[in-house]
Amino acid sequence: MKAEDVDRLAVVGAGTMGAVIAGECARAGCRVTLVDVNETTLETGIRAMVRAHEVLAAAGVCTQTACRKAQRNVRTTTELDDACRDVDILVEAVSEDMKLKRRLFKRFDRLCARRTVLASNTSGLSITKIAGATSRPTKVAGLHFWNPPHIVPLVEVTRGPRTSAVTARLLADFCRRLGKQPIIVQHDVPGFVGNRLQFAVMREALHLLEEGVASAEDIDRAMTAGPGLRYGLLGPLRTADLGGLDIFLAISRYLFGELHSGTEPPACLSKRVEHGEMGAKSGKGFYRYSVRDLPDILARRDRVLLGFLKVLAEEEK
């Protein structure tokens, strides 16, 4: 099977990620079945998918007509047996619970045709363990879309030790059909690539905040107004190339030993969570959020990301 031949998909889990992933596959012309345990969750998921399409239409990424057509390509069900019937690819997008994922993949293996590729949207759990619940580990891989999946182009295709090259290539090619930018993670390491990079920065940012080196606002500004601008276009390794590897080597020799290497989250994070400060969802984290202001913050994030993606698209022409 080739990526252009993929026609029918099942997406299991109608949370924000699963529902919007279903919408992205439908925009590429696929017939998608979105499945969850109850109708209320499915209705909420469909609303999230429609909102994502409205954002894309407002930005000129797709027309309203195309979005409505995609929405008609998505059907919902609470019956897993029905969703698994005769699909080319199944994407699991449930919560990050290994026991739950293994239990589901065991069912997928029984219900899906032998040709069906089984993929997990996990952001870092072991693909090896997930695939071990099936009798088809060569056809199991990670397919990690990044949030928000209708805007962020990165998708990590992660191979377990028995995932075939054919399976990985099919999923990567399918992501390109969706207009995404896939990478193939050749070794099933915790956190894959994106989260390992993200949390390396996060660990140092938390350490700087804990030590009082700078405020949360200034730490964020140091990234957004500095290396973040370059990384968005170049990434860390090409940035080093352009700056001169000799320079980066010299800095590494004195700075690596100074960077935080702790293995436990610092108090400035754990205490906030203990006190119910979960970030935007609770109204307070490192910053404060009001119910009135949060939609504007998210809309601004989406506008900036979409604008940046347009600039990158022009650069690639």
C-alpha atoms as a PDB file:
ATOM      1  CA  MET A   1       0.000   0.000   0.000  1.00  0.00           C
ATOM      2  CA  LYS A   2       1.203   3.491  -0.890  1.00  0.00           C
ATOM      3  CA  ALA A   3       0.310   6.738   0.877  1.00  0.00           C
ATOM      4  CA  GLU A   4      -1.850   7.889  -2.014  1.00  0.00           C
ATOM      5  CA  ASP A   5      -3.869   4.658  -1.708  1.00  0.00           C
ATOM      6  CA  VAL A   6      -4.829   5.275   1.928  1.00  0.00           C
ATOM      7  CA  ASP A   7      -8.579   5.880   1.917  1.00  0.00           C
ATOM      8  CA  ARG A   8     -10.147   4.765   5.191  1.00  0.00           C
ATOM      9  CA  LEU A   9      -8.858   5.542   8.671  1.00  0.00           C
ATOM     10  CA  ALA A  10     -10.031   5.108  12.226  1.00  0.00           C
ATOM     11  CA  VAL A  11      -9.026   7.555  14.925  1.00  0.00           C
ATOM     12  CA  VAL A  12      -9.594   6.191  18.415  1.00  0.00           C
ATOM     13  CA  GLY A  13     -10.002   8.935  20.998  1.00  0.00           C
ATOM     14  CA  ALA A  14     -12.006  12.104  20.306  1.00  0.00           C
ATOM     15  CA  GLY A  15     -10.126  14.484  22.559  1.00  0.00           C
ATOM     16  CA  THR A  16      -8.651  17.660  21.111  1.00  0.00           C
ATOM     17  CA  MET A  17      -5.753  15.808  19.478  1.00  0.00           C
ATOM     18  CA  GLY A  18      -7.719  12.868  18.098  1.00  0.00           C
ATOM     19  CA  ALA A  19     -10.601  14.914  16.737  1.00  0.00           C
ATOM     20  CA  VAL A  20      -8.343  17.438  15.008  1.00  0.00           C
ATOM     21  CA  ILE A  21      -6.106  14.670  13.607  1.00  0.00           C
ATOM     22  CA  ALA A  22      -9.278  13.137  12.158  1.00  0.00           C
ATOM     23  CA  GLY A  23     -10.066  16.487  10.586  1.00  0.00           C
ATOM     24  CA  GLU A  24      -6.596  16.751   9.052  1.00  0.00           C
ATOM     25  CA  CYS A  25      -6.901  13.288   7.504  1.00  0.00           C
ATOM     26  CA  ALA A  26     -10.344  14.182   6.162  1.00  0.00           C
ATOM     27  CA  ARG A  27      -8.952  17.375   4.598  1.00  0.00           C
ATOM     28  CA  ALA A  28      -6.578  15.128   2.647  1.00  0.00           C
ATOM     29  CA  GLY A  29      -9.579  13.297   1.167  1.00  0.00           C
ATOM     30  CA  CYS A  30      -9.713  10.282   3.486  1.00  0.00           C
ATOM     31  CA  ARG A  31     -12.869   8.776   4.950  1.00  0.00           C
ATOM     32  CA  VAL A  32     -12.403   8.832   8.718  1.00  0.00           C
ATOM     33  CA  THR A  33     -14.248   7.138  11.556  1.00  0.00           C
ATOM     34  CA  LEU A  34     -13.784   8.887  14.902  1.00  0.00           C
ATOM     35  CA  VAL A  35     -14.532   6.654  17.872  1.00  0.00           C
ATOM     36  CA  ASP A  36     -14.874   7.239  21.604  1.00  0.00           C
ATOM     37  CA  VAL A  37     -16.756   5.750  24.523  1.00  0.00           C
ATOM     38  CA  ASN A  38     -19.726   8.157  24.555  1.00  0.00           C
ATOM     39  CA  GLU A  39     -21.619  10.556  22.314  1.00  0.00           C
ATOM     40  CA  THR A  40     -20.883  13.594  24.493  1.00  0.00           C
ATOM     41  CA  THR A  41     -17.135  13.222  23.992  1.00  0.00           C
ATOM     42  CA  LEU A  42     -17.640  12.706  20.269  1.00  0.00           C
ATOM     43  CA  GLU A  43     -19.779  15.854  19.994  1.00  0.00           C
ATOM     44  CA  THR A  44     -17.149  17.866  21.858  1.00  0.00           C
ATOM     45  CA  GLY A  45     -14.458  16.466  19.575  1.00  0.00           C
ATOM     46  CA  ILE A  46     -16.378  17.376  16.426  1.00  0.00           C
ATOM     47  CA  ARG A  47     -16.784  20.950  17.706  1.00  0.00           C
ATOM     48  CA  ALA A  48     -13.014  21.123  18.274  1.00  0.00           C
ATOM     49  CA  MET A  49     -12.414  19.876  14.729  1.00  0.00           C
ATOM     50  CA  VAL A  50     -14.794  22.479  13.285  1.00  0.00           C
ATOM     51  CA  ARG A  51     -13.074  25.272  15.266  1.00  0.00           C
ATOM     52  CA  ALA A  52      -9.709  24.126  13.907  1.00  0.00           C
ATOM     53  CA  HIS A  53     -11.089  24.256  10.368  1.00  0.00           C
ATOM     54  CA  GLU A  54     -12.452  27.754  11.006  1.00  0.00           C
ATOM     55  CA  VAL A  55      -8.971  28.896  12.048  1.00  0.00           C
ATOM     56  CA  LEU A  56      -7.466  27.444   8.862  1.00  0.00           C
ATOM     57  CA  ALA A  57     -10.161  28.999   6.675  1.00  0.00           C
ATOM     58  CA  ALA A  58      -9.716  32.418   8.304  1.00  0.00           C
ATOM     59  CA  ALA A  59      -5.970  32.200   7.611  1.00  0.00           C
ATOM     60  CA  GLY A  60      -6.541  31.269   3.975  1.00  0.00           C
ATOM     61  CA  VAL A  61      -5.017  27.806   4.381  1.00  0.00           C
ATOM     62  CA  CYS A  62      -8.175  26.167   3.050  1.00  0.00           C
ATOM     63  CA  THR A  63     -11.559  27.338   1.831  1.00  0.00           C
ATOM     64  CA  GLN A  64     -14.723  27.052   3.877  1.00  0.00           C
ATOM     65  CA  THR A  65     -16.131  24.806   1.166  1.00  0.00           C
ATOM     66  CA  ALA A  66     -13.147  22.447   1.451  1.00  0.00           C
ATOM     67  CA  CYS A  67     -13.484  22.406   5.228  1.00  0.00           C
ATOM     68  CA  ARG A  68     -17.172  21.540   5.067  1.00  0.00           C
ATOM     69  CA  LYS A  69     -16.396  18.768   2.607  1.00  0.00           C
ATOM     70  CA  ALA A  70     -13.757  17.393   5.003  1.00  0.00           C
ATOM     71  CA  GLN A  71     -16.220  17.482   7.881  1.00  0.00           C
ATOM     72  CA  ARG A  72     -18.638  15.358   5.864  1.00  0.00           C
ATOM     73  CA  ASN A  73     -15.836  12.799   5.504  1.00  0.00           C
ATOM     74  CA  VAL A  74     -15.764  12.236   9.281  1.00  0.00           C
ATOM     75  CA  ARG A  75     -18.313   9.958  10.899  1.00  0.00           C
ATOM     76  CA  THR A  76     -18.520   9.101  14.585  1.00  0.00           C
ATOM     77  CA  THR A  77     -19.276   5.932  16.487  1.00  0.00           C
ATOM     78  CA  THR A  78     -19.024   4.480  19.971  1.00  0.00           C
ATOM     79  CA  GLU A  79     -18.548   0.970  18.569  1.00  0.00           C
ATOM     80  CA  LEU A  80     -14.877   0.023  18.241  1.00  0.00           C
ATOM     81  CA  ASP A  81     -15.720  -3.056  16.163  1.00  0.00           C
ATOM     82  CA  ASP A  82     -17.427  -0.827  13.629  1.00  0.00           C
ATOM     83  CA  ALA A  83     -14.541   1.678  13.543  1.00  0.00           C
ATOM     84  CA  CYS A  84     -11.890  -0.997  12.957  1.00  0.00           C
ATOM     85  CA  ARG A  85     -13.650  -2.615  10.020  1.00  0.00           C
ATOM     86  CA  ASP A  86     -11.653  -2.471   6.761  1.00  0.00           C
ATOM     87  CA  VAL A  87      -9.424   0.538   7.610  1.00  0.00           C
ATOM     88  CA  ASP A  88      -6.007   1.150   6.080  1.00  0.00           C
ATOM     89  CA  ILE A  89      -4.535   2.959   9.099  1.00  0.00           C
ATOM     90  CA  LEU A  90      -5.742   3.160  12.691  1.00  0.00           C
ATOM     91  CA  VAL A  91      -4.494   6.058  14.838  1.00  0.00           C
ATOM     92  CA  GLU A  92      -4.840   5.739  18.613  1.00  0.00           C
ATOM     93  CA  ALA A  93      -5.107   9.068  20.455  1.00  0.00           C
ATOM     94  CA  VAL A  94      -6.221   8.194  23.989  1.00  0.00           C
ATOM     95  CA  SER A  95      -4.645   9.326  27.257  1.00  0.00           C
ATOM     96  CA  GLU A  96      -0.996   8.571  28.057  1.00  0.00           C
ATOM     97  CA  ASP A  97      -1.659   5.365  29.973  1.00  0.00           C
ATOM     98  CA  MET A  98       0.435   2.373  28.941  1.00  0.00           C
ATOM     99  CA  LYS A  99      -1.990  -0.209  30.350  1.00  0.00           C
ATOM    100  CA  LEU A 100      -4.869   1.381  28.457  1.00  0.00           C
ATOM    101  CA  LYS A 101      -2.899   1.583  25.222  1.00  0.00           C
ATOM    102  CA  ARG A 102      -1.748  -2.045  25.411  1.00  0.00           C
ATOM    103  CA  ARG A 103      -5.291  -3.181  26.157  1.00  0.00           C
ATOM    104  CA  LEU A 104      -6.597  -1.249  23.163  1.00  0.00           C
ATOM    105  CA  PHE A 105      -3.860  -2.402  20.790  1.00  0.00           C
ATOM    106  CA  LYS A 106      -4.628  -5.984  21.704  1.00  0.00           C
ATOM    107  CA  ARG A 107      -8.216  -5.321  20.611  1.00  0.00           C
ATOM    108  CA  PHE A 108      -7.135  -3.450  17.464  1.00  0.00           C
ATOM    109  CA  ASP A 109      -4.988  -6.429  16.518  1.00  0.00           C
ATOM    110  CA  ARG A 110      -7.976  -8.734  16.802  1.00  0.00           C
ATOM    111  CA  LEU A 111     -10.508  -6.457  15.084  1.00  0.00           C
ATOM    112  CA  CYS A 112      -8.481  -4.936  12.225  1.00  0.00           C
ATOM    113  CA  ALA A 113      -7.546  -6.590   8.949  1.00  0.00           C
ATOM    114  CA  ARG A 114      -4.008  -7.976   8.822  1.00  0.00           C
ATOM    115  CA  ARG A 115      -3.003  -5.285   6.348  1.00  0.00           C
ATOM    116  CA  THR A 116      -3.993  -2.444   8.702  1.00  0.00           C
ATOM    117  CA  VAL A 117      -1.174  -0.317  10.110  1.00  0.00           C
ATOM    118  CA  LEU A 118      -1.632   0.511  13.808  1.00  0.00           C
ATOM    119  CA  ALA A 119      -0.204   3.834  15.005  1.00  0.00           C
ATOM    120  CA  SER A 120      -0.088   5.554  18.393  1.00  0.00           C
ATOM    121  CA  ASN A 121      -0.135   9.303  18.911  1.00  0.00           C
ATOM    122  CA  THR A 122       1.776   8.875  22.177  1.00  0.00           C
ATOM    123  CA  SER A 123       4.176  11.729  22.900  1.00  0.00           C
ATOM    124  CA  GLY A 124       6.818   9.500  24.429  1.00  0.00           C
ATOM    125  CA  LEU A 125       5.652   6.102  25.678  1.00  0.00           C
ATOM    126  CA  SER A 126       7.463   3.010  24.449  1.00  0.00           C
ATOM    127  CA  ILE A 127       6.354   1.877  20.997  1.00  0.00           C
ATOM    128  CA  THR A 128       8.104  -1.412  21.729  1.00  0.00           C
ATOM    129  CA  LYS A 129       5.776  -2.123  24.662  1.00  0.00           C
ATOM    130  CA  ILE A 130       2.686  -0.996  22.771  1.00  0.00           C
ATOM    131  CA  ALA A 131       3.550  -3.161  19.760  1.00  0.00           C
ATOM    132  CA  GLY A 132       4.204  -6.083  22.108  1.00  0.00           C
ATOM    133  CA  ALA A 133       0.480  -6.300  22.786  1.00  0.00           C
ATOM    134  CA  THR A 134      -0.099  -7.266  19.140  1.00  0.00           C
ATOM    135  CA  SER A 135       0.813 -10.098  16.806  1.00  0.00           C
ATOM    136  CA  ARG A 136       1.900  -7.595  14.132  1.00  0.00           C
ATOM    137  CA  PRO A 137       4.794  -5.516  15.573  1.00  0.00           C
ATOM    138  CA  THR A 138       6.134  -4.883  12.063  1.00  0.00           C
ATOM    139  CA  LYS A 139       2.959  -2.870  11.383  1.00  0.00           C
ATOM    140  CA  VAL A 140       2.986  -0.823  14.606  1.00  0.00           C
ATOM    141  CA  ALA A 141       4.658   2.586  14.950  1.00  0.00           C
ATOM    142  CA  GLY A 142       4.399   5.888  16.741  1.00  0.00           C
ATOM    143  CA  LEU A 143       2.649   8.723  14.915  1.00  0.00           C
ATOM    144  CA  HIS A 144       3.071  11.712  17.217  1.00  0.00           C
ATOM    145  CA  PHE A 145       1.302  14.841  15.997  1.00  0.00           C
ATOM    146  CA  TRP A 146       2.194  18.038  17.850  1.00  0.00           C
ATOM    147  CA  ASN A 147      -0.350  20.350  19.416  1.00  0.00           C
ATOM    148  CA  PRO A 148      -2.159  22.136  17.807  1.00  0.00           C
ATOM    149  CA  PRO A 149      -2.104  19.426  15.119  1.00  0.00           C
ATOM    150  CA  HIS A 150      -3.892  21.512  12.479  1.00  0.00           C
ATOM    151  CA  ILE A 151      -1.080  24.101  12.617  1.00  0.00           C
ATOM    152  CA  VAL A 152       2.182  22.532  13.833  1.00  0.00           C
ATOM    153  CA  PRO A 153       3.653  20.568  10.904  1.00  0.00           C
ATOM    154  CA  LEU A 154       5.915  18.192  12.857  1.00  0.00           C
ATOM    155  CA  VAL A 155       4.892  14.542  13.117  1.00  0.00           C
ATOM    156  CA  GLU A 156       7.268  12.007  14.689  1.00  0.00           C
ATOM    157  CA  VAL A 157       7.103   8.549  13.100  1.00  0.00           C
ATOM    158  CA  THR A 158       8.774   6.300  15.661  1.00  0.00           C
ATOM    159  CA  ARG A 159       9.989   2.806  14.889  1.00  0.00           C
ATOM    160  CA  GLY A 160      10.020   0.055  17.444  1.00  0.00           C
ATOM    161  CA  PRO A 161      12.755  -2.578  17.053  1.00  0.00           C
ATOM    162  CA  ARG A 162      10.453  -4.670  14.835  1.00  0.00           C
ATOM    163  CA  THR A 163       8.647  -1.879  12.951  1.00  0.00           C
ATOM    164  CA  SER A 164       9.327  -2.451   9.267  1.00  0.00           C
ATOM    165  CA  ALA A 165      10.894   0.175   7.041  1.00  0.00           C
ATOM    166  CA  VAL A 166       7.837  -0.195   4.802  1.00  0.00           C
ATOM    167  CA  THR A 167       5.500   0.763   7.673  1.00  0.00           C
ATOM    168  CA  ALA A 168       7.615   3.758   8.670  1.00  0.00           C
ATOM    169  CA  ARG A 169       7.883   4.968   5.079  1.00  0.00           C
ATOM    170  CA  LEU A 170       4.118   4.598   4.515  1.00  0.00           C
ATOM    171  CA  LEU A 171       3.317   6.695   7.592  1.00  0.00           C
ATOM    172  CA  ALA A 172       5.912   9.342   6.724  1.00  0.00           C
ATOM    173  CA  ASP A 173       4.619   9.584   3.156  1.00  0.00           C
ATOM    174  CA  PHE A 174       1.049   9.782   4.426  1.00  0.00           C
ATOM    175  CA  CYS A 175       2.019  12.672   6.700  1.00  0.00           C
ATOM    176  CA  ARG A 176       3.466  14.479   3.689  1.00  0.00           C
ATOM    177  CA  ARG A 177       0.136  13.915   1.938  1.00  0.00           C
ATOM    178  CA  LEU A 178      -1.437  15.749   4.894  1.00  0.00           C
ATOM    179  CA  GLY A 179       0.962  18.655   4.348  1.00  0.00           C
ATOM    180  CA  LYS A 180       2.994  17.797   7.472  1.00  0.00           C
ATOM    181  CA  GLN A 181       6.751  17.560   7.960  1.00  0.00           C
ATOM    182  CA  PRO A 182       7.464  14.072   9.334  1.00  0.00           C
ATOM    183  CA  ILE A 183      10.689  12.820  10.832  1.00  0.00           C
ATOM    184  CA  ILE A 184      11.518   9.157  11.344  1.00  0.00           C
ATOM    185  CA  VAL A 185      12.758   8.343  14.846  1.00  0.00           C
ATOM    186  CA  GLN A 186      14.913   5.294  14.219  1.00  0.00           C
ATOM    187  CA  HIS A 187      15.257   4.217  17.866  1.00  0.00           C
ATOM    188  CA  ASP A 188      12.418   3.942  20.365  1.00  0.00           C
ATOM    189  CA  VAL A 189      13.852   6.257  23.041  1.00  0.00           C
ATOM    190  CA  PRO A 190      11.682   7.882  25.758  1.00  0.00           C
ATOM    191  CA  GLY A 191      10.351  11.220  24.582  1.00  0.00           C
ATOM    192  CA  PHE A 192      11.416  10.554  20.979  1.00  0.00           C
ATOM    193  CA  VAL A 193      13.169  13.662  19.505  1.00  0.00           C
ATOM    194  CA  GLY A 194      10.899  16.685  19.909  1.00  0.00           C
ATOM    195  CA  ASN A 195      10.125  16.249  23.600  1.00  0.00           C
ATOM    196  CA  ARG A 196      13.738  15.482  24.447  1.00  0.00           C
ATOM    197  CA  LEU A 197      14.756  18.790  22.889  1.00  0.00           C
ATOM    198  CA  GLN A 198      11.808  20.611  24.461  1.00  0.00           C
ATOM    199  CA  PHE A 199      12.420  19.285  27.956  1.00  0.00           C
ATOM    200  CA  ALA A 200      16.158  19.914  27.794  1.00  0.00           C
ATOM    201  CA  VAL A 201      15.289  23.601  27.346  1.00  0.00           C
ATOM    202  CA  MET A 202      12.512  23.356  29.939  1.00  0.00           C
ATOM    203  CA  ARG A 203      14.853  21.897  32.566  1.00  0.00           C
ATOM    204  CA  GLU A 204      17.314  24.765  32.162  1.00  0.00           C
ATOM    205  CA  ALA A 205      14.511  27.360  32.095  1.00  0.00           C
ATOM    206  CA  LEU A 206      13.111  26.007  35.384  1.00  0.00           C
ATOM    207  CA  HIS A 207      16.587  25.981  36.914  1.00  0.00           C
ATOM    208  CA  LEU A 208      17.182  29.616  35.934  1.00  0.00           C
ATOM    209  CA  LEU A 209      13.817  30.567  37.444  1.00  0.00           C
ATOM    210  CA  GLU A 210      14.474  28.559  40.619  1.00  0.00           C
ATOM    211  CA  GLU A 211      17.856  30.232  41.085  1.00  0.00           C
ATOM    212  CA  GLY A 212      16.399  33.703  40.556  1.00  0.00           C
ATOM    213  CA  VAL A 213      18.639  34.365  37.553  1.00  0.00           C
ATOM    214  CA  ALA A 214      15.730  35.966  35.673  1.00  0.00           C
ATOM    215  CA  SER A 215      11.933  36.291  35.856  1.00  0.00           C
ATOM    216  CA  ALA A 216       9.593  33.957  34.009  1.00  0.00           C
ATOM    217  CA  GLU A 217       8.807  36.779  31.584  1.00  0.00           C
ATOM    218  CA  ASP A 218      12.474  37.450  30.855  1.00  0.00           C
ATOM    219  CA  ILE A 219      13.333  33.760  30.484  1.00  0.00           C
ATOM    220  CA  ASP A 220      10.565  33.406  27.909  1.00  0.00           C
ATOM    221  CA  ARG A 221      11.702  36.589  26.153  1.00  0.00           C
ATOM    222  CA  ALA A 222      15.275  35.298  26.005  1.00  0.00           C
ATOM    223  CA  MET A 223      13.988  32.395  23.934  1.00  0.00           C
ATOM    224  CA  THR A 224      11.351  34.128  21.773  1.00  0.00           C
ATOM    225  CA  ALA A 225      13.547  37.122  20.934  1.00  0.00           C
ATOM    226  CA  GLY A 226      16.779  35.134  20.676  1.00  0.00           C
ATOM    227  CA  PRO A 227      17.495  31.492  19.810  1.00  0.00           C
ATOM    228  CA  GLY A 228      13.808  30.693  19.284  1.00  0.00           C
ATOM    229  CA  LEU A 229      13.766  32.902  16.185  1.00  0.00           C
ATOM    230  CA  ARG A 230      16.748  31.110  14.677  1.00  0.00           C
ATOM    231  CA  TYR A 231      15.605  27.628  15.674  1.00  0.00           C
ATOM    232  CA  GLY A 232      12.267  28.123  13.948  1.00  0.00           C
ATOM    233  CA  LEU A 233      14.061  28.321  10.616  1.00  0.00           C
ATOM    234  CA  LEU A 234      17.400  26.600  11.147  1.00  0.00           C
ATOM    235  CA  GLY A 235      17.219  24.212  14.105  1.00  0.00           C
ATOM    236  CA  PRO A 236      20.066  23.880  16.629  1.00  0.00           C
ATOM    237  CA  LEU A 237      22.580  21.968  14.497  1.00  0.00           C
ATOM    238  CA  ARG A 238      22.430  24.197  11.415  1.00  0.00           C
ATOM    239  CA  THR A 239      22.586  27.195  13.760  1.00  0.00           C
ATOM    240  CA  ALA A 240      25.836  25.757  15.098  1.00  0.00           C
ATOM    241  CA  ASP A 241      27.135  25.222  11.559  1.00  0.00           C
ATOM    242  CA  LEU A 242      26.464  28.828  10.639  1.00  0.00           C
ATOM    243  CA  GLY A 243      27.949  30.146  13.873  1.00  0.00           C
ATOM    244  CA  GLY A 244      31.058  27.984  13.525  1.00  0.00           C
ATOM    245  CA  LEU A 245      31.515  24.598  15.178  1.00  0.00           C
ATOM    246  CA  ASP A 246      34.826  25.737  16.634  1.00  0.00           C
ATOM    247  CA  ILE A 247      32.999  28.510  18.489  1.00  0.00           C
ATOM    248  CA  PHE A 248      30.303  26.148  19.731  1.00  0.00           C
ATOM    249  CA  LEU A 249      32.951  23.642  20.833  1.00  0.00           C
ATOM    250  CA  ALA A 250      34.791  26.299  22.831  1.00  0.00           C
ATOM    251  CA  ILE A 251      31.564  27.419  24.533  1.00  0.00           C
ATOM    252  CA  SER A 252      30.544  23.799  25.177  1.00  0.00           C
ATOM    253  CA  ARG A 253      33.793  23.125  27.033  1.00  0.00           C
ATOM    254  CA  TYR A 254      33.085  25.711  29.705  1.00  0.00           C
ATOM    255  CA  LEU A 255      29.261  25.835  29.657  1.00  0.00           C
ATOM    256  CA  PHE A 256      28.147  22.191  29.560  1.00  0.00           C
ATOM    257  CA  GLY A 257      29.420  21.619  33.072  1.00  0.00           C
ATOM    258  CA  GLU A 258      27.408  24.617  34.303  1.00  0.00           C
ATOM    259  CA  LEU A 259      24.080  23.497  32.891  1.00  0.00           C
ATOM    260  CA  HIS A 260      21.542  21.930  35.214  1.00  0.00           C
ATOM    261  CA  SER A 261      21.615  18.136  35.208  1.00  0.00           C
ATOM    262  CA  GLY A 262      19.076  17.371  37.919  1.00  0.00           C
ATOM    263  CA  THR A 263      16.862  14.318  37.530  1.00  0.00           C
ATOM    264  CA  GLU A 264      13.917  15.618  39.593  1.00  0.00           C
ATOM    265  CA  PRO A 265      11.558  18.488  38.702  1.00  0.00           C
ATOM    266  CA  PRO A 266      12.445  21.612  40.720  1.00  0.00           C
ATOM    267  CA  ALA A 267      10.207  23.045  43.433  1.00  0.00           C
ATOM    268  CA  CYS A 268       9.137  25.989  41.277  1.00  0.00           C
ATOM    269  CA  LEU A 269       7.228  23.468  39.146  1.00  0.00           C
ATOM    270  CA  SER A 270       6.151  20.784  41.616  1.00  0.00           C
ATOM    271  CA  LYS A 271       4.881  23.250  44.239  1.00  0.00           C
ATOM    272  CA  ARG A 272       2.745  25.072  41.705  1.00  0.00           C
ATOM    273  CA  VAL A 273       1.085  21.796  40.709  1.00  0.00           C
ATOM    274  CA  GLU A 274       0.605  20.818  44.369  1.00  0.00           C
ATOM    275  CA  HIS A 275      -1.183  24.131  44.925  1.00  0.00           C
ATOM    276  CA  GLY A 276      -3.485  23.534  41.957  1.00  0.00           C
ATOM    277  CA  GLU A 277      -1.672  25.980  39.694  1.00  0.00           C
ATOM    278  CA  MET A 278      -1.834  23.959  36.465  1.00  0.00           C
ATOM    279  CA  GLY A 279      -1.329  26.824  34.037  1.00  0.00           C
ATOM    280  CA  ALA A 280      -3.976  28.097  31.636  1.00  0.00           C
ATOM    281  CA  LYS A 281      -6.455  25.312  32.537  1.00  0.00           C
ATOM    282  CA  SER A 282      -6.623  26.500  36.171  1.00  0.00           C
ATOM    283  CA  GLY A 283      -6.145  30.214  35.556  1.00  0.00           C
ATOM    284  CA  LYS A 284      -2.664  30.364  37.047  1.00  0.00           C
ATOM    285  CA  GLY A 285       0.747  28.838  36.426  1.00  0.00           C
ATOM    286  CA  PHE A 286       3.885  30.848  35.789  1.00  0.00           C
ATOM    287  CA  TYR A 287       1.427  33.519  34.571  1.00  0.00           C
ATOM    288  CA  ARG A 288      -2.196  34.361  35.356  1.00  0.00           C
ATOM    289  CA  TYR A 289      -5.022  33.665  32.878  1.00  0.00           C
ATOM    290  CA  SER A 290      -8.604  34.891  32.882  1.00  0.00           C
ATOM    291  CA  VAL A 291     -11.486  33.144  31.196  1.00  0.00           C
ATOM    292  CA  ARG A 292     -11.954  36.299  29.128  1.00  0.00           C
ATOM    293  CA  ASP A 293      -8.315  36.634  28.010  1.00  0.00           C
ATOM    294  CA  LEU A 294      -7.415  32.999  27.283  1.00  0.00           C
ATOM    295  CA  PRO A 295      -9.224  32.731  23.912  1.00  0.00           C
ATOM    296  CA  ASP A 296      -7.352  35.836  22.725  1.00  0.00           C
ATOM    297  CA  ILE A 297      -4.022  34.349  23.842  1.00  0.00           C
ATOM    298  CA  LEU A 298      -4.698  31.119  21.956  1.00  0.00           C
ATOM    299  CA  ALA A 299      -5.925  32.995  18.877  1.00  0.00           C
ATOM    300  CA  ARG A 300      -2.779  35.137  18.881  1.00  0.00           C
ATOM    301  CA  ARG A 301      -0.635  31.996  19.200  1.00  0.00           C
ATOM    302  CA  ASP A 302      -2.377  30.455  16.215  1.00  0.00           C
ATOM    303  CA  ARG A 303      -2.067  33.626  14.104  1.00  0.00           C
ATOM    304  CA  VAL A 304       1.650  33.905  14.804  1.00  0.00           C
ATOM    305  CA  LEU A 305       2.286  30.207  14.099  1.00  0.00           C
ATOM    306  CA  LEU A 306       0.310  30.313  10.864  1.00  0.00           C
ATOM    307  CA  GLY A 307       2.087  33.487   9.795  1.00  0.00           C
ATOM    308  CA  PHE A 308       5.463  31.941  10.491  1.00  0.00           C
ATOM    309  CA  LEU A 309       4.519  28.799   8.568  1.00  0.00           C
ATOM    310  CA  LYS A 310       3.610  30.940   5.559  1.00  0.00           C
ATOM    311  CA  VAL A 311       7.038  32.594   5.715  1.00  0.00           C
ATOM    312  CA  LEU A 312       8.741  29.184   5.888  1.00  0.00           C
ATOM    313  CA  ALA A 313       6.657  27.943   2.958  1.00  0.00           C
ATOM    314  CA  GLU A 314       7.844  30.900   0.887  1.00  0.00           C
ATOM    315  CA  GLU A 315      11.459  30.185   1.871  1.00  0.00           C
ATOM    316  CA  GLU A 316      11.140  26.594   0.643  1.00  0.00           C
ATOM    317  CA  LYS A 317       9.901  27.587  -2.830  1.00  0.00           C
END
